[in-house]
Amino acid sequence: MDVLIFLVPLALLMGLLGLLAFLWNLRAGQYEDLDGAASRILFDDETRKETKP
């Protein structure tokens, strides 16, 4: 039972750090364009013409 004195505050601290990281990413605009990355993978930017020596 003595280990709970250590583990409960540690769990609360880790939860708080996760919440702060999520809010920081939300404020930085990480989740603004959810469909852009999904459709960007389907299209090529440029067509390459490789020449063989």
N, C-alpha and C. Protein backbone atom coordinates (compact mmCIF):
# COMPACT_ATOMS: atom_id res chain seq x y z
N MET A 1 0.81 -1.21 0.00
CA MET A 1 0.00 0.00 0.00
C MET A 1 0.85 1.27 0.00
N ASP A 2 2.08 1.14 0.45
CA ASP A 2 2.94 2.32 0.47
C ASP A 2 3.33 2.76 -0.94
N VAL A 3 3.30 1.83 -1.88
CA VAL A 3 3.67 2.17 -3.25
C VAL A 3 2.61 3.06 -3.90
N LEU A 4 1.38 3.02 -3.41
CA LEU A 4 0.32 3.87 -3.96
C LEU A 4 0.59 5.35 -3.70
N ILE A 5 1.31 5.63 -2.64
CA ILE A 5 1.67 7.02 -2.35
C ILE A 5 2.56 7.58 -3.45
N PHE A 6 3.31 6.71 -4.07
CA PHE A 6 4.19 7.12 -5.17
C PHE A 6 3.48 7.04 -6.52
N LEU A 7 2.68 6.01 -6.74
CA LEU A 7 2.10 5.76 -8.06
C LEU A 7 0.93 6.69 -8.40
N VAL A 8 0.11 7.04 -7.44
CA VAL A 8 -1.04 7.90 -7.73
C VAL A 8 -0.60 9.30 -8.18
N PRO A 9 0.30 9.97 -7.46
CA PRO A 9 0.77 11.28 -7.98
C PRO A 9 1.52 11.16 -9.31
N LEU A 10 2.24 10.05 -9.50
CA LEU A 10 2.94 9.85 -10.77
C LEU A 10 1.95 9.72 -11.92
N ALA A 11 0.87 8.98 -11.70
CA ALA A 11 -0.16 8.83 -12.73
C ALA A 11 -0.85 10.15 -13.02
N LEU A 12 -1.12 10.93 -11.99
CA LEU A 12 -1.74 12.25 -12.19
C LEU A 12 -0.80 13.19 -12.94
N LEU A 13 0.48 13.12 -12.63
CA LEU A 13 1.46 13.96 -13.32
C LEU A 13 1.57 13.57 -14.80
N MET A 14 1.58 12.28 -15.08
CA MET A 14 1.66 11.84 -16.48
C MET A 14 0.40 12.21 -17.25
N GLY A 15 -0.76 12.13 -16.61
CA GLY A 15 -1.99 12.55 -17.26
C GLY A 15 -1.99 14.04 -17.54
N LEU A 16 -1.49 14.82 -16.61
CA LEU A 16 -1.40 16.27 -16.81
C LEU A 16 -0.43 16.61 -17.94
N LEU A 17 0.69 15.89 -18.01
CA LEU A 17 1.64 16.13 -19.10
C LEU A 17 1.04 15.77 -20.46
N GLY A 18 0.28 14.68 -20.51
CA GLY A 18 -0.40 14.32 -21.76
C GLY A 18 -1.42 15.36 -22.17
N LEU A 19 -2.17 15.87 -21.21
CA LEU A 19 -3.16 16.92 -21.50
C LEU A 19 -2.49 18.19 -21.99
N LEU A 20 -1.39 18.56 -21.36
CA LEU A 20 -0.66 19.76 -21.80
C LEU A 20 -0.08 19.59 -23.19
N ALA A 21 0.42 18.40 -23.51
CA ALA A 21 0.95 18.15 -24.85
C ALA A 21 -0.17 18.22 -25.89
N PHE A 22 -1.33 17.68 -25.56
CA PHE A 22 -2.46 17.75 -26.48
C PHE A 22 -2.90 19.20 -26.70
N LEU A 23 -3.00 19.98 -25.64
CA LEU A 23 -3.41 21.37 -25.78
C LEU A 23 -2.38 22.19 -26.55
N TRP A 24 -1.10 21.87 -26.38
CA TRP A 24 -0.04 22.57 -27.11
C TRP A 24 -0.15 22.27 -28.60
N ASN A 25 -0.41 20.99 -28.95
CA ASN A 25 -0.57 20.63 -30.36
C ASN A 25 -1.83 21.24 -30.95
N LEU A 26 -2.87 21.31 -30.17
CA LEU A 26 -4.11 21.91 -30.63
C LEU A 26 -3.92 23.40 -30.91
N ARG A 27 -3.19 24.07 -30.03
CA ARG A 27 -2.94 25.50 -30.20
C ARG A 27 -1.99 25.77 -31.38
N ALA A 28 -1.09 24.83 -31.66
CA ALA A 28 -0.13 25.00 -32.75
C ALA A 28 -0.74 24.70 -34.11
N GLY A 29 -1.97 24.22 -34.16
CA GLY A 29 -2.63 23.98 -35.43
C GLY A 29 -2.34 22.61 -36.01
N GLN A 30 -1.98 21.66 -35.18
CA GLN A 30 -1.63 20.33 -35.66
C GLN A 30 -2.82 19.61 -36.27
N TYR A 31 -4.02 19.90 -35.81
CA TYR A 31 -5.22 19.16 -36.23
C TYR A 31 -6.11 19.97 -37.17
N GLU A 32 -5.58 20.97 -37.82
CA GLU A 32 -6.39 21.83 -38.68
C GLU A 32 -6.80 21.16 -39.98
N ASP A 33 -5.87 20.51 -40.66
CA ASP A 33 -6.12 19.95 -41.99
C ASP A 33 -6.08 18.43 -41.90
N LEU A 34 -7.19 17.82 -41.53
CA LEU A 34 -7.23 16.37 -41.36
C LEU A 34 -7.32 15.63 -42.69
N ASP A 35 -7.95 16.22 -43.70
CA ASP A 35 -8.13 15.55 -44.98
C ASP A 35 -6.96 15.79 -45.94
N GLY A 36 -6.14 16.77 -45.67
CA GLY A 36 -5.05 17.11 -46.58
C GLY A 36 -4.02 16.01 -46.70
N ALA A 37 -3.59 15.45 -45.59
CA ALA A 37 -2.57 14.40 -45.63
C ALA A 37 -3.13 13.12 -46.24
N ALA A 38 -4.42 12.88 -46.03
CA ALA A 38 -5.01 11.66 -46.58
C ALA A 38 -5.11 11.72 -48.10
N SER A 39 -5.40 12.87 -48.65
CA SER A 39 -5.50 12.98 -50.11
C SER A 39 -4.15 13.29 -50.76
N ARG A 40 -3.23 13.84 -50.02
CA ARG A 40 -1.92 14.19 -50.56
C ARG A 40 -1.13 12.94 -50.95
N ILE A 41 -1.35 11.85 -50.24
CA ILE A 41 -0.60 10.62 -50.52
C ILE A 41 -1.02 10.01 -51.85
N LEU A 42 -2.20 10.33 -52.34
CA LEU A 42 -2.73 9.70 -53.54
C LEU A 42 -2.21 10.33 -54.83
N PHE A 43 -1.73 11.54 -54.77
CA PHE A 43 -1.34 12.27 -55.97
C PHE A 43 0.16 12.54 -55.98
N ASP A 44 0.77 12.40 -57.16
CA ASP A 44 2.18 12.75 -57.32
C ASP A 44 2.30 14.24 -57.55
N ASP A 45 3.37 14.81 -57.04
CA ASP A 45 3.60 16.23 -57.25
C ASP A 45 4.10 16.49 -58.66
N GLU A 46 5.07 15.74 -59.08
CA GLU A 46 5.64 15.92 -60.41
C GLU A 46 5.89 14.55 -61.02
N THR A 47 5.86 14.53 -62.33
CA THR A 47 6.23 13.29 -63.01
C THR A 47 7.73 13.38 -63.32
N ARG A 48 8.44 12.34 -62.98
CA ARG A 48 9.88 12.33 -63.20
C ARG A 48 10.20 11.54 -64.46
N LYS A 49 11.11 12.05 -65.22
CA LYS A 49 11.62 11.33 -66.38
C LYS A 49 13.07 10.98 -66.10
N GLU A 50 13.29 9.72 -65.84
CA GLU A 50 14.65 9.28 -65.53
C GLU A 50 15.33 8.82 -66.82
N THR A 51 16.54 9.24 -66.97
CA THR A 51 17.32 8.81 -68.15
C THR A 51 18.29 7.74 -67.70
N LYS A 52 18.38 6.71 -68.49
CA LYS A 52 19.32 5.64 -68.19
C LYS A 52 20.61 5.88 -68.93
N PRO A 53 21.73 5.72 -68.24
CA PRO A 53 23.04 5.98 -68.90
C PRO A 53 23.41 4.90 -69.90
